[in-house]
């Protein structure tokens, strides 16, 4: 798996997870429970991962939706 998006915006991450899943792109959110160690201040970004072979399609879908992935 490869990182597609890094953010601490939980609403954005939730939307992107559902958007990709609806498009048939398997994804996984890592660092979801970092709030336990950070004291729930949102200091650590969560990482949204996709399969290597789905990266280009996922980036294209997010670009269409106006979401920058940082690449």
Foldseek 3Di string as FASTA:
>chain_A
DDFQAKALPPVVVVVLCVVCVVVVWDKDKPPPPVCVVVVVPSPGIITIDTDPVCRVVSCVVCVVVVHHRPD
